[in-house]
Amino acid sequence: MVRKLVFLFVALPVAVVLIMLSVANRAPVQLSLDPFNSTDPAIAFTLPLFVFLFAALLLGMVVGSVATWFTQGKHRKKLRREHSEAVKWQGEAETQKKRAEELALELHPELKSLPASERAA
C-alpha cells in the first residue's frame, strides 16, 4: 500500500514533469565541464536537454541505491549472524532430540516395539 502511495505521489509526478520537459526541450544544449574556460571548454557535451535530465535522474537513482545499500549493511550483517546462530541451535536441538530418544530406548527397552510416532508421545 505504501509503495503505491509513493509511486502515486512521487514517481508519477516526476515522470510526468520529465516527459513534459523532454518534449519541450529537444534543442541541443552544451554541458561544459571546464570551469576555467567557458568560451572554448576542454570537456563539453552537446546533446538535447532531456538527455541530461534523464542522465541526472539515472545518476541520482544509482547514487541513492548505493548509499542505501551501504547504510543497510549492518542489518544484512546482523541477519547473517542470526541465521548462522539459528542453524547452529537447530542442529543442537536435533542432536539433543536424537540423544533423548536413544536414552529413552536404553531406559525403557519395551519402547523398541512401538512405532516411532508413538514413542515421541
PDB file of N, CA and C in Angstrom:
ATOM      1  N   MET A   1       0.819  -1.192   0.000  1.00  0.00           N
ATOM      2  CA  MET A   1       0.000   0.000   0.000  1.00  0.00           C
ATOM      3  C   MET A   1       0.867   1.262   0.000  1.00  0.00           C
ATOM      4  N   VAL A   2       1.925   1.245   0.817  1.00  0.00           N
ATOM      5  CA  VAL A   2       2.801   2.407   0.918  1.00  0.00           C
ATOM      6  C   VAL A   2       3.532   2.630  -0.406  1.00  0.00           C
ATOM      7  N   ARG A   3       3.941   1.537  -1.040  1.00  0.00           N
ATOM      8  CA  ARG A   3       4.634   1.664  -2.322  1.00  0.00           C
ATOM      9  C   ARG A   3       3.731   2.302  -3.376  1.00  0.00           C
ATOM     10  N   LYS A   4       2.465   1.940  -3.355  1.00  0.00           N
ATOM     11  CA  LYS A   4       1.530   2.524  -4.315  1.00  0.00           C
ATOM     12  C   LYS A   4       1.373   4.020  -4.065  1.00  0.00           C
ATOM     13  N   LEU A   5       1.316   4.411  -2.790  1.00  0.00           N
ATOM     14  CA  LEU A   5       1.199   5.828  -2.465  1.00  0.00           C
ATOM     15  C   LEU A   5       2.455   6.595  -2.865  1.00  0.00           C
ATOM     16  N   VAL A   6       3.618   6.009  -2.611  1.00  0.00           N
ATOM     17  CA  VAL A   6       4.871   6.658  -3.001  1.00  0.00           C
ATOM     18  C   VAL A   6       4.915   6.810  -4.508  1.00  0.00           C
ATOM     19  N   PHE A   7       4.534   5.763  -5.220  1.00  0.00           N
ATOM     20  CA  PHE A   7       4.509   5.846  -6.675  1.00  0.00           C
ATOM     21  C   PHE A   7       3.537   6.916  -7.142  1.00  0.00           C
ATOM     22  N   LEU A   8       2.376   6.939  -6.525  1.00  0.00           N
ATOM     23  CA  LEU A   8       1.332   7.873  -6.949  1.00  0.00           C
ATOM     24  C   LEU A   8       1.721   9.324  -6.691  1.00  0.00           C
ATOM     25  N   PHE A   9       2.324   9.608  -5.545  1.00  0.00           N
ATOM     26  CA  PHE A   9       2.600  10.988  -5.166  1.00  0.00           C
ATOM     27  C   PHE A   9       4.018  11.459  -5.466  1.00  0.00           C
ATOM     28  N   VAL A  10       4.934  10.565  -5.768  1.00  0.00           N
ATOM     29  CA  VAL A  10       6.313  10.975  -6.036  1.00  0.00           C
ATOM     30  C   VAL A  10       6.743  10.593  -7.449  1.00  0.00           C
ATOM     31  N   ALA A  11       6.750   9.301  -7.734  1.00  0.00           N
ATOM     32  CA  ALA A  11       7.302   8.828  -9.006  1.00  0.00           C
ATOM     33  C   ALA A  11       6.464   9.277 -10.198  1.00  0.00           C
ATOM     34  N   LEU A  12       5.189   9.211 -10.076  1.00  0.00           N
ATOM     35  CA  LEU A  12       4.327   9.589 -11.197  1.00  0.00           C
ATOM     36  C   LEU A  12       4.468  11.076 -11.559  1.00  0.00           C
ATOM     37  N   PRO A  13       4.408  12.005 -10.594  1.00  0.00           N
ATOM     38  CA  PRO A  13       4.617  13.419 -10.963  1.00  0.00           C
ATOM     39  C   PRO A  13       6.013  13.689 -11.528  1.00  0.00           C
ATOM     40  N   VAL A  14       7.036  13.040 -10.986  1.00  0.00           N
ATOM     41  CA  VAL A  14       8.387  13.217 -11.520  1.00  0.00           C
ATOM     42  C   VAL A  14       8.437  12.745 -12.966  1.00  0.00           C
ATOM     43  N   ALA A  15       7.832  11.608 -13.243  1.00  0.00           N
ATOM     44  CA  ALA A  15       7.811  11.084 -14.611  1.00  0.00           C
ATOM     45  C   ALA A  15       7.065  12.032 -15.550  1.00  0.00           C
ATOM     46  N   VAL A  16       5.946  12.559 -15.104  1.00  0.00           N
ATOM     47  CA  VAL A  16       5.176  13.479 -15.939  1.00  0.00           C
ATOM     48  C   VAL A  16       5.980  14.744 -16.227  1.00  0.00           C
ATOM     49  N   VAL A  17       6.626  15.296 -15.217  1.00  0.00           N
ATOM     50  CA  VAL A  17       7.433  16.515 -15.402  1.00  0.00           C
ATOM     51  C   VAL A  17       8.594  16.236 -16.351  1.00  0.00           C
ATOM     52  N   LEU A  18       9.266  15.100 -16.171  1.00  0.00           N
ATOM     53  CA  LEU A  18      10.378  14.770 -17.068  1.00  0.00           C
ATOM     54  C   LEU A  18       9.914  14.591 -18.512  1.00  0.00           C
ATOM     55  N   ILE A  19       8.796  13.978 -18.707  1.00  0.00           N
ATOM     56  CA  ILE A  19       8.275  13.802 -20.067  1.00  0.00           C
ATOM     57  C   ILE A  19       7.910  15.151 -20.670  1.00  0.00           C
ATOM     58  N   MET A  20       7.274  16.019 -19.887  1.00  0.00           N
ATOM     59  CA  MET A  20       6.928  17.354 -20.396  1.00  0.00           C
ATOM     60  C   MET A  20       8.187  18.145 -20.750  1.00  0.00           C
ATOM     61  N   LEU A  21       9.217  18.092 -19.880  1.00  0.00           N
ATOM     62  CA  LEU A  21      10.468  18.792 -20.168  1.00  0.00           C
ATOM     63  C   LEU A  21      11.171  18.200 -21.381  1.00  0.00           C
ATOM     64  N   SER A  22      11.084  16.898 -21.547  1.00  0.00           N
ATOM     65  CA  SER A  22      11.714  16.239 -22.695  1.00  0.00           C
ATOM     66  C   SER A  22      11.088  16.685 -24.000  1.00  0.00           C
ATOM     67  N   VAL A  23       9.779  16.786 -24.019  1.00  0.00           N
ATOM     68  CA  VAL A  23       9.092  17.200 -25.242  1.00  0.00           C
ATOM     69  C   VAL A  23       9.360  18.681 -25.530  1.00  0.00           C
ATOM     70  N   ALA A  24       9.398  19.501 -24.491  1.00  0.00           N
ATOM     71  CA  ALA A  24       9.553  20.943 -24.686  1.00  0.00           C
ATOM     72  C   ALA A  24      11.003  21.357 -24.954  1.00  0.00           C
ATOM     73  N   ASN A  25      11.984  20.539 -24.549  1.00  0.00           N
ATOM     74  CA  ASN A  25      13.393  20.928 -24.657  1.00  0.00           C
ATOM     75  C   ASN A  25      14.176  19.930 -25.496  1.00  0.00           C
ATOM     76  N   ARG A  26      13.878  19.890 -26.776  1.00  0.00           N
ATOM     77  CA  ARG A  26      14.557  18.974 -27.675  1.00  0.00           C
ATOM     78  C   ARG A  26      15.756  19.609 -28.363  1.00  0.00           C
ATOM     79  N   ALA A  27      15.937  20.899 -28.196  1.00  0.00           N
ATOM     80  CA  ALA A  27      17.065  21.593 -28.835  1.00  0.00           C
ATOM     81  C   ALA A  27      18.369  21.219 -28.134  1.00  0.00           C
ATOM     82  N   PRO A  28      19.455  21.135 -28.886  1.00  0.00           N
ATOM     83  CA  PRO A  28      20.730  20.779 -28.259  1.00  0.00           C
ATOM     84  C   PRO A  28      21.252  21.909 -27.368  1.00  0.00           C
ATOM     85  N   VAL A  29      21.821  21.505 -26.236  1.00  0.00           N
ATOM     86  CA  VAL A  29      22.467  22.441 -25.309  1.00  0.00           C
ATOM     87  C   VAL A  29      23.866  21.907 -25.019  1.00  0.00           C
ATOM     88  N   GLN A  30      24.742  22.818 -24.598  1.00  0.00           N
ATOM     89  CA  GLN A  30      26.114  22.408 -24.312  1.00  0.00           C
ATOM     90  C   GLN A  30      26.323  22.329 -22.810  1.00  0.00           C
ATOM     91  N   LEU A  31      26.808  21.182 -22.365  1.00  0.00           N
ATOM     92  CA  LEU A  31      27.170  20.991 -20.961  1.00  0.00           C
ATOM     93  C   LEU A  31      28.683  21.066 -20.891  1.00  0.00           C
ATOM     94  N   SER A  32      29.191  22.088 -20.236  1.00  0.00           N
ATOM     95  CA  SER A  32      30.626  22.303 -20.129  1.00  0.00           C
ATOM     96  C   SER A  32      31.112  21.837 -18.765  1.00  0.00           C
ATOM     97  N   LEU A  33      32.165  21.038 -18.762  1.00  0.00           N
ATOM     98  CA  LEU A  33      32.750  20.563 -17.516  1.00  0.00           C
ATOM     99  C   LEU A  33      34.091  21.238 -17.242  1.00  0.00           C
ATOM    100  N   ASP A  34      34.359  22.327 -17.917  1.00  0.00           N
ATOM    101  CA  ASP A  34      35.602  23.085 -17.741  1.00  0.00           C
ATOM    102  C   ASP A  34      35.267  24.418 -17.088  1.00  0.00           C
ATOM    103  N   PRO A  35      35.523  24.570 -15.787  1.00  0.00           N
ATOM    104  CA  PRO A  35      35.143  25.812 -15.099  1.00  0.00           C
ATOM    105  C   PRO A  35      36.063  26.998 -15.424  1.00  0.00           C
ATOM    106  N   PHE A  36      37.214  26.761 -16.073  1.00  0.00           N
ATOM    107  CA  PHE A  36      38.172  27.835 -16.292  1.00  0.00           C
ATOM    108  C   PHE A  36      38.057  28.491 -17.658  1.00  0.00           C
ATOM    109  N   ASN A  37      37.511  27.790 -18.634  1.00  0.00           N
ATOM    110  CA  ASN A  37      37.416  28.345 -19.976  1.00  0.00           C
ATOM    111  C   ASN A  37      36.009  28.102 -20.508  1.00  0.00           C
ATOM    112  N   SER A  38      35.143  29.082 -20.352  1.00  0.00           N
ATOM    113  CA  SER A  38      33.754  28.910 -20.767  1.00  0.00           C
ATOM    114  C   SER A  38      33.554  29.119 -22.263  1.00  0.00           C
ATOM    115  N   THR A  39      34.468  29.834 -22.936  1.00  0.00           N
ATOM    116  CA  THR A  39      34.304  30.072 -24.374  1.00  0.00           C
ATOM    117  C   THR A  39      34.717  28.868 -25.207  1.00  0.00           C
ATOM    118  N   ASP A  40      35.806  28.208 -24.805  1.00  0.00           N
ATOM    119  CA  ASP A  40      36.277  27.020 -25.525  1.00  0.00           C
ATOM    120  C   ASP A  40      36.625  25.947 -24.495  1.00  0.00           C
ATOM    121  N   PRO A  41      35.616  25.263 -23.937  1.00  0.00           N
ATOM    122  CA  PRO A  41      35.886  24.303 -22.858  1.00  0.00           C
ATOM    123  C   PRO A  41      36.628  23.059 -23.363  1.00  0.00           C
ATOM    124  N   ALA A  42      37.449  22.524 -22.490  1.00  0.00           N
ATOM    125  CA  ALA A  42      38.205  21.315 -22.824  1.00  0.00           C
ATOM    126  C   ALA A  42      37.280  20.103 -22.855  1.00  0.00           C
ATOM    127  N   ILE A  43      36.331  20.066 -21.942  1.00  0.00           N
ATOM    128  CA  ILE A  43      35.375  18.956 -21.891  1.00  0.00           C
ATOM    129  C   ILE A  43      33.969  19.532 -21.977  1.00  0.00           C
ATOM    130  N   ALA A  44      33.283  19.208 -23.072  1.00  0.00           N
ATOM    131  CA  ALA A  44      31.919  19.707 -23.259  1.00  0.00           C
ATOM    132  C   ALA A  44      31.124  18.703 -24.079  1.00  0.00           C
ATOM    133  N   PHE A  45      29.852  18.620 -23.764  1.00  0.00           N
ATOM    134  CA  PHE A  45      28.949  17.725 -24.480  1.00  0.00           C
ATOM    135  C   PHE A  45      27.783  18.543 -25.017  1.00  0.00           C
ATOM    136  N   THR A  46      27.426  18.305 -26.262  1.00  0.00           N
ATOM    137  CA  THR A  46      26.285  18.990 -26.856  1.00  0.00           C
ATOM    138  C   THR A  46      25.229  17.940 -27.190  1.00  0.00           C
ATOM    139  N   LEU A  47      24.177  17.937 -26.401  1.00  0.00           N
ATOM    140  CA  LEU A  47      23.080  16.981 -26.547  1.00  0.00           C
ATOM    141  C   LEU A  47      21.770  17.688 -26.222  1.00  0.00           C
ATOM    142  N   PRO A  48      20.644  17.110 -26.575  1.00  0.00           N
ATOM    143  CA  PRO A  48      19.363  17.702 -26.152  1.00  0.00           C
ATOM    144  C   PRO A  48      19.262  17.713 -24.617  1.00  0.00           C
ATOM    145  N   LEU A  49      18.570  18.698 -24.106  1.00  0.00           N
ATOM    146  CA  LEU A  49      18.471  18.880 -22.652  1.00  0.00           C
ATOM    147  C   LEU A  49      17.870  17.654 -21.963  1.00  0.00           C
ATOM    148  N   PHE A  50      16.895  17.004 -22.608  1.00  0.00           N
ATOM    149  CA  PHE A  50      16.253  15.876 -21.937  1.00  0.00           C
ATOM    150  C   PHE A  50      17.225  14.725 -21.704  1.00  0.00           C
ATOM    151  N   VAL A  51      18.263  14.609 -22.520  1.00  0.00           N
ATOM    152  CA  VAL A  51      19.270  13.560 -22.296  1.00  0.00           C
ATOM    153  C   VAL A  51      19.990  13.823 -20.977  1.00  0.00           C
ATOM    154  N   PHE A  52      20.342  15.091 -20.745  1.00  0.00           N
ATOM    155  CA  PHE A  52      20.990  15.451 -19.483  1.00  0.00           C
ATOM    156  C   PHE A  52      20.045  15.254 -18.298  1.00  0.00           C
ATOM    157  N   LEU A  53      18.768  15.554 -18.489  1.00  0.00           N
ATOM    158  CA  LEU A  53      17.793  15.359 -17.408  1.00  0.00           C
ATOM    159  C   LEU A  53      17.671  13.879 -17.040  1.00  0.00           C
ATOM    160  N   PHE A  54      17.543  13.033 -18.061  1.00  0.00           N
ATOM    161  CA  PHE A  54      17.442  11.599 -17.781  1.00  0.00           C
ATOM    162  C   PHE A  54      18.744  11.048 -17.202  1.00  0.00           C
ATOM    163  N   ALA A  55      19.880  11.561 -17.656  1.00  0.00           N
ATOM    164  CA  ALA A  55      21.163  11.122 -17.102  1.00  0.00           C
ATOM    165  C   ALA A  55      21.277  11.516 -15.629  1.00  0.00           C
ATOM    166  N   ALA A  56      20.816  12.725 -15.303  1.00  0.00           N
ATOM    167  CA  ALA A  56      20.845  13.167 -13.904  1.00  0.00           C
ATOM    168  C   ALA A  56      19.918  12.304 -13.046  1.00  0.00           C
ATOM    169  N   LEU A  57      18.759  11.965 -13.579  1.00  0.00           N
ATOM    170  CA  LEU A  57      17.826  11.101 -12.841  1.00  0.00           C
ATOM    171  C   LEU A  57      18.443   9.721 -12.616  1.00  0.00           C
ATOM    172  N   LEU A  58      19.030   9.174 -13.648  1.00  0.00           N
ATOM    173  CA  LEU A  58      19.657   7.856 -13.537  1.00  0.00           C
ATOM    174  C   LEU A  58      20.817   7.884 -12.549  1.00  0.00           C
ATOM    175  N   LEU A  59      21.644   8.909 -12.626  1.00  0.00           N
ATOM    176  CA  LEU A  59      22.763   9.043 -11.696  1.00  0.00           C
ATOM    177  C   LEU A  59      22.262   9.164 -10.253  1.00  0.00           C
ATOM    178  N   GLY A  60      21.209   9.940 -10.043  1.00  0.00           N
ATOM    179  CA  GLY A  60      20.634  10.074  -8.703  1.00  0.00           C
ATOM    180  C   GLY A  60      20.096   8.758  -8.174  1.00  0.00           C
ATOM    181  N   MET A  61      19.477   7.980  -9.054  1.00  0.00           N
ATOM    182  CA  MET A  61      18.953   6.669  -8.626  1.00  0.00           C
ATOM    183  C   MET A  61      20.099   5.727  -8.256  1.00  0.00           C
ATOM    184  N   VAL A  62      21.173   5.739  -9.031  1.00  0.00           N
ATOM    185  CA  VAL A  62      22.312   4.870  -8.742  1.00  0.00           C
ATOM    186  C   VAL A  62      22.985   5.280  -7.433  1.00  0.00           C
ATOM    187  N   VAL A  63      23.223   6.573  -7.266  1.00  0.00           N
ATOM    188  CA  VAL A  63      23.861   7.061  -6.036  1.00  0.00           C
ATOM    189  C   VAL A  63      22.974   6.755  -4.824  1.00  0.00           C
ATOM    190  N   GLY A  64      21.684   6.965  -4.946  1.00  0.00           N
ATOM    191  CA  GLY A  64      20.769   6.656  -3.843  1.00  0.00           C
ATOM    192  C   GLY A  64      20.735   5.172  -3.514  1.00  0.00           C
ATOM    193  N   SER A  65      20.759   4.342  -4.536  1.00  0.00           N
ATOM    194  CA  SER A  65      20.750   2.891  -4.307  1.00  0.00           C
ATOM    195  C   SER A  65      22.028   2.434  -3.614  1.00  0.00           C
ATOM    196  N   VAL A  66      23.166   2.958  -4.059  1.00  0.00           N
ATOM    197  CA  VAL A  66      24.443   2.592  -3.439  1.00  0.00           C
ATOM    198  C   VAL A  66      24.479   3.074  -1.990  1.00  0.00           C
ATOM    199  N   ALA A  67      24.029   4.286  -1.742  1.00  0.00           N
ATOM    200  CA  ALA A  67      24.011   4.812  -0.370  1.00  0.00           C
ATOM    201  C   ALA A  67      23.103   3.974   0.518  1.00  0.00           C
ATOM    202  N   THR A  68      21.953   3.588   0.010  1.00  0.00           N
ATOM    203  CA  THR A  68      21.037   2.743   0.782  1.00  0.00           C
ATOM    204  C   THR A  68      21.662   1.387   1.061  1.00  0.00           C
ATOM    205  N   TRP A  69      22.313   0.815   0.062  1.00  0.00           N
ATOM    206  CA  TRP A  69      22.943  -0.492   0.228  1.00  0.00           C
ATOM    207  C   TRP A  69      24.015  -0.434   1.319  1.00  0.00           C
ATOM    208  N   PHE A  70      24.834   0.627   1.324  1.00  0.00           N
ATOM    209  CA  PHE A  70      25.874   0.743   2.345  1.00  0.00           C
ATOM    210  C   PHE A  70      25.291   0.988   3.730  1.00  0.00           C
ATOM    211  N   THR A  71      24.254   1.808   3.841  1.00  0.00           N
ATOM    212  CA  THR A  71      23.693   2.082   5.167  1.00  0.00           C
ATOM    213  C   THR A  71      22.952   0.883   5.731  1.00  0.00           C
ATOM    214  N   GLN A  72      22.474  -0.023   4.878  1.00  0.00           N
ATOM    215  CA  GLN A  72      21.779  -1.212   5.366  1.00  0.00           C
ATOM    216  C   GLN A  72      22.722  -2.387   5.585  1.00  0.00           C
ATOM    217  N   GLY A  73      24.019  -2.168   5.418  1.00  0.00           N
ATOM    218  CA  GLY A  73      24.995  -3.236   5.585  1.00  0.00           C
ATOM    219  C   GLY A  73      24.973  -3.834   6.979  1.00  0.00           C
ATOM    220  N   LYS A  74      24.784  -3.004   7.999  1.00  0.00           N
ATOM    221  CA  LYS A  74      24.760  -3.515   9.369  1.00  0.00           C
ATOM    222  C   LYS A  74      23.573  -4.453   9.588  1.00  0.00           C
ATOM    223  N   HIS A  75      22.467  -4.177   8.902  1.00  0.00           N
ATOM    224  CA  HIS A  75      21.300  -5.042   9.041  1.00  0.00           C
ATOM    225  C   HIS A  75      21.531  -6.385   8.346  1.00  0.00           C
ATOM    226  N   ARG A  76      22.184  -6.353   7.181  1.00  0.00           N
ATOM    227  CA  ARG A  76      22.494  -7.606   6.489  1.00  0.00           C
ATOM    228  C   ARG A  76      23.475  -8.442   7.301  1.00  0.00           C
ATOM    229  N   LYS A  77      24.456  -7.784   7.914  1.00  0.00           N
ATOM    230  CA  LYS A  77      25.439  -8.487   8.748  1.00  0.00           C
ATOM    231  C   LYS A  77      24.748  -9.138   9.948  1.00  0.00           C
ATOM    232  N   LYS A  78      23.849  -8.405  10.591  1.00  0.00           N
ATOM    233  CA  LYS A  78      23.113  -8.942  11.741  1.00  0.00           C
ATOM    234  C   LYS A  78      22.251 -10.127  11.310  1.00  0.00           C
ATOM    235  N   LEU A  79      21.611 -10.024  10.145  1.00  0.00           N
ATOM    236  CA  LEU A  79      20.782 -11.104   9.641  1.00  0.00           C
ATOM    237  C   LEU A  79      21.611 -12.356   9.365  1.00  0.00           C
ATOM    238  N   ARG A  80      22.791 -12.199   8.770  1.00  0.00           N
ATOM    239  CA  ARG A  80      23.671 -13.356   8.529  1.00  0.00           C
ATOM    240  C   ARG A  80      24.087 -14.008   9.837  1.00  0.00           C
ATOM    241  N   ARG A  81      24.447 -13.184  10.828  1.00  0.00           N
ATOM    242  CA  ARG A  81      24.878 -13.708  12.121  1.00  0.00           C
ATOM    243  C   ARG A  81      23.736 -14.460  12.807  1.00  0.00           C
ATOM    244  N   GLU A  82      22.532 -13.880  12.786  1.00  0.00           N
ATOM    245  CA  GLU A  82      21.393 -14.538  13.424  1.00  0.00           C
ATOM    246  C   GLU A  82      20.993 -15.811  12.679  1.00  0.00           C
ATOM    247  N   HIS A  83      21.129 -15.820  11.363  1.00  0.00           N
ATOM    248  CA  HIS A  83      20.806 -17.026  10.584  1.00  0.00           C
ATOM    249  C   HIS A  83      21.778 -18.153  10.929  1.00  0.00           C
ATOM    250  N   SER A  84      23.070 -17.840  11.007  1.00  0.00           N
ATOM    251  CA  SER A  84      24.032 -18.896  11.339  1.00  0.00           C
ATOM    252  C   SER A  84      23.817 -19.397  12.766  1.00  0.00           C
ATOM    253  N   GLU A  85      23.436 -18.506  13.660  1.00  0.00           N
ATOM    254  CA  GLU A  85      23.154 -18.922  15.036  1.00  0.00           C
ATOM    255  C   GLU A  85      21.896 -19.798  15.080  1.00  0.00           C
ATOM    256  N   ALA A  86      20.888 -19.453  14.305  1.00  0.00           N
ATOM    257  CA  ALA A  86      19.667 -20.267  14.260  1.00  0.00           C
ATOM    258  C   ALA A  86      19.964 -21.654  13.699  1.00  0.00           C
ATOM    259  N   VAL A  87      20.797 -21.733  12.676  1.00  0.00           N
ATOM    260  CA  VAL A  87      21.173 -23.034  12.109  1.00  0.00           C
ATOM    261  C   VAL A  87      21.926 -23.852  13.149  1.00  0.00           C
ATOM    262  N   LYS A  88      22.819 -23.188  13.885  1.00  0.00           N
ATOM    263  CA  LYS A  88      23.583 -23.879  14.929  1.00  0.00           C
ATOM    264  C   LYS A  88      22.643 -24.444  15.999  1.00  0.00           C
ATOM    265  N   TRP A  89      21.694 -23.625  16.463  1.00  0.00           N
ATOM    266  CA  TRP A  89      20.784 -24.083  17.511  1.00  0.00           C
ATOM    267  C   TRP A  89      19.810 -25.140  16.994  1.00  0.00           C
ATOM    268  N   GLN A  90      19.442 -25.061  15.727  1.00  0.00           N
ATOM    269  CA  GLN A  90      18.583 -26.095  15.136  1.00  0.00           C
ATOM    270  C   GLN A  90      19.313 -27.432  15.133  1.00  0.00           C
ATOM    271  N   GLY A  91      20.588 -27.408  14.762  1.00  0.00           N
ATOM    272  CA  GLY A  91      21.399 -28.629  14.796  1.00  0.00           C
ATOM    273  C   GLY A  91      21.541 -29.167  16.210  1.00  0.00           C
ATOM    274  N   GLU A  92      21.735 -28.267  17.142  1.00  0.00           N
ATOM    275  CA  GLU A  92      21.852 -28.676  18.549  1.00  0.00           C
ATOM    276  C   GLU A  92      20.543 -29.304  19.029  1.00  0.00           C
ATOM    277  N   ALA A  93      19.406 -28.739  18.641  1.00  0.00           N
ATOM    278  CA  ALA A  93      18.114 -29.296  19.040  1.00  0.00           C
ATOM    279  C   ALA A  93      17.917 -30.686  18.452  1.00  0.00           C
ATOM    280  N   GLU A  94      18.307 -30.876  17.187  1.00  0.00           N
ATOM    281  CA  GLU A  94      18.194 -32.197  16.564  1.00  0.00           C
ATOM    282  C   GLU A  94      19.081 -33.208  17.273  1.00  0.00           C
ATOM    283  N   THR A  95      20.295 -32.804  17.627  1.00  0.00           N
ATOM    284  CA  THR A  95      21.215 -33.696  18.346  1.00  0.00           C
ATOM    285  C   THR A  95      20.630 -34.094  19.691  1.00  0.00           C
ATOM    286  N   GLN A  96      20.088 -33.136  20.413  1.00  0.00           N
ATOM    287  CA  GLN A  96      19.505 -33.430  21.733  1.00  0.00           C
ATOM    288  C   GLN A  96      18.272 -34.318  21.613  1.00  0.00           C
ATOM    289  N   LYS A  97      17.493 -34.139  20.568  1.00  0.00           N
ATOM    290  CA  LYS A  97      16.310 -34.967  20.359  1.00  0.00           C
ATOM    291  C   LYS A  97      16.716 -36.419  20.114  1.00  0.00           C
ATOM    292  N   LYS A  98      17.726 -36.619  19.261  1.00  0.00           N
ATOM    293  CA  LYS A  98      18.210 -37.980  19.000  1.00  0.00           C
ATOM    294  C   LYS A  98      18.780 -38.603  20.260  1.00  0.00           C
ATOM    295  N   ARG A  99      19.517 -37.802  21.008  1.00  0.00           N
ATOM    296  CA  ARG A  99      20.106 -38.304  22.254  1.00  0.00           C
ATOM    297  C   ARG A  99      19.015 -38.698  23.252  1.00  0.00           C
ATOM    298  N   ALA A 100      17.961 -37.891  23.340  1.00  0.00           N
ATOM    299  CA  ALA A 100      16.860 -38.192  24.257  1.00  0.00           C
ATOM    300  C   ALA A 100      16.137 -39.469  23.831  1.00  0.00           C
ATOM    301  N   GLU A 101      15.958 -39.678  22.513  1.00  0.00           N
ATOM    302  CA  GLU A 101      15.306 -40.902  22.042  1.00  0.00           C
ATOM    303  C   GLU A 101      16.163 -42.132  22.345  1.00  0.00           C
ATOM    304  N   GLU A 102      17.485 -42.003  22.128  1.00  0.00           N
ATOM    305  CA  GLU A 102      18.386 -43.124  22.427  1.00  0.00           C
ATOM    306  C   GLU A 102      18.374 -43.448  23.914  1.00  0.00           C
ATOM    307  N   LEU A 103      18.393 -42.431  24.740  1.00  0.00           N
ATOM    308  CA  LEU A 103      18.376 -42.628  26.191  1.00  0.00           C
ATOM    309  C   LEU A 103      17.059 -43.253  26.637  1.00  0.00           C
ATOM    310  N   ALA A 104      15.952 -42.821  26.045  1.00  0.00           N
ATOM    311  CA  ALA A 104      14.650 -43.388  26.389  1.00  0.00           C
ATOM    312  C   ALA A 104      14.601 -44.872  26.014  1.00  0.00           C
ATOM    313  N   LEU A 105      15.187 -45.226  24.858  1.00  0.00           N
ATOM    314  CA  LEU A 105      15.211 -46.629  24.450  1.00  0.00           C
ATOM    315  C   LEU A 105      16.102 -47.471  25.360  1.00  0.00           C
ATOM    316  N   GLU A 106      17.188 -46.875  25.863  1.00  0.00           N
ATOM    317  CA  GLU A 106      18.063 -47.595  26.793  1.00  0.00           C
ATOM    318  C   GLU A 106      17.355 -47.837  28.119  1.00  0.00           C
ATOM    319  N   LEU A 107      16.636 -46.834  28.609  1.00  0.00           N
ATOM    320  CA  LEU A 107      15.977 -46.954  29.912  1.00  0.00           C
ATOM    321  C   LEU A 107      14.703 -47.793  29.835  1.00  0.00           C
ATOM    322  N   HIS A 108      14.016 -47.766  28.689  1.00  0.00           N
ATOM    323  CA  HIS A 108      12.764 -48.500  28.520  1.00  0.00           C
ATOM    324  C   HIS A 108      12.836 -49.327  27.242  1.00  0.00           C
ATOM    325  N   PRO A 109      13.399 -50.511  27.304  1.00  0.00           N
ATOM    326  CA  PRO A 109      13.556 -51.332  26.097  1.00  0.00           C
ATOM    327  C   PRO A 109      12.223 -51.726  25.463  1.00  0.00           C
ATOM    328  N   GLU A 110      11.144 -51.696  26.207  1.00  0.00           N
ATOM    329  CA  GLU A 110       9.853 -52.070  25.643  1.00  0.00           C
ATOM    330  C   GLU A 110       9.366 -51.050  24.604  1.00  0.00           C
ATOM    331  N   LEU A 111       9.978 -49.861  24.564  1.00  0.00           N
ATOM    332  CA  LEU A 111       9.601 -48.845  23.584  1.00  0.00           C
ATOM    333  C   LEU A 111      10.075 -49.200  22.170  1.00  0.00           C
ATOM    334  N   LYS A 112      11.019 -50.146  22.051  1.00  0.00           N
ATOM    335  CA  LYS A 112      11.547 -50.506  20.733  1.00  0.00           C
ATOM    336  C   LYS A 112      10.464 -51.109  19.842  1.00  0.00           C
ATOM    337  N   SER A 113       9.501 -51.778  20.439  1.00  0.00           N
ATOM    338  CA  SER A 113       8.471 -52.419  19.641  1.00  0.00           C
ATOM    339  C   SER A 113       7.401 -51.436  19.144  1.00  0.00           C
ATOM    340  N   LEU A 114       7.343 -50.229  19.723  1.00  0.00           N
ATOM    341  CA  LEU A 114       6.361 -49.230  19.302  1.00  0.00           C
ATOM    342  C   LEU A 114       6.842 -48.484  18.055  1.00  0.00           C
ATOM    343  N   PRO A 115       5.919 -48.017  17.211  1.00  0.00           N
ATOM    344  CA  PRO A 115       6.306 -47.176  16.080  1.00  0.00           C
ATOM    345  C   PRO A 115       6.899 -45.859  16.561  1.00  0.00           C
ATOM    346  N   ALA A 116       7.715 -45.232  15.734  1.00  0.00           N
ATOM    347  CA  ALA A 116       8.410 -44.001  16.131  1.00  0.00           C
ATOM    348  C   ALA A 116       7.427 -42.870  16.488  1.00  0.00           C
ATOM    349  N   SER A 117       6.270 -42.841  15.808  1.00  0.00           N
ATOM    350  CA  SER A 117       5.319 -41.767  16.085  1.00  0.00           C
ATOM    351  C   SER A 117       4.721 -41.899  17.498  1.00  0.00           C
ATOM    352  N   GLU A 118       4.581 -43.123  17.991  1.00  0.00           N
ATOM    353  CA  GLU A 118       4.024 -43.327  19.328  1.00  0.00           C
ATOM    354  C   GLU A 118       5.091 -43.188  20.404  1.00  0.00           C
ATOM    355  N   ARG A 119       6.351 -43.422  20.051  1.00  0.00           N
ATOM    356  CA  ARG A 119       7.432 -43.289  21.033  1.00  0.00           C
ATOM    357  C   ARG A 119       7.607 -41.826  21.451  1.00  0.00           C
ATOM    358  N   ALA A 120       7.404 -40.907  20.542  1.00  0.00           N
ATOM    359  CA  ALA A 120       7.611 -39.493  20.855  1.00  0.00           C
ATOM    360  C   ALA A 120       6.540 -38.963  21.784  1.00  0.00           C
ATOM    361  N   ALA A 121       5.365 -39.589  21.800  1.00  0.00           N
ATOM    362  CA  ALA A 121       4.255 -39.099  22.599  1.00  0.00           C
ATOM    363  C   ALA A 121       4.338 -39.473  24.025  1.00  0.00           C
TER     364      ALA A 121
END
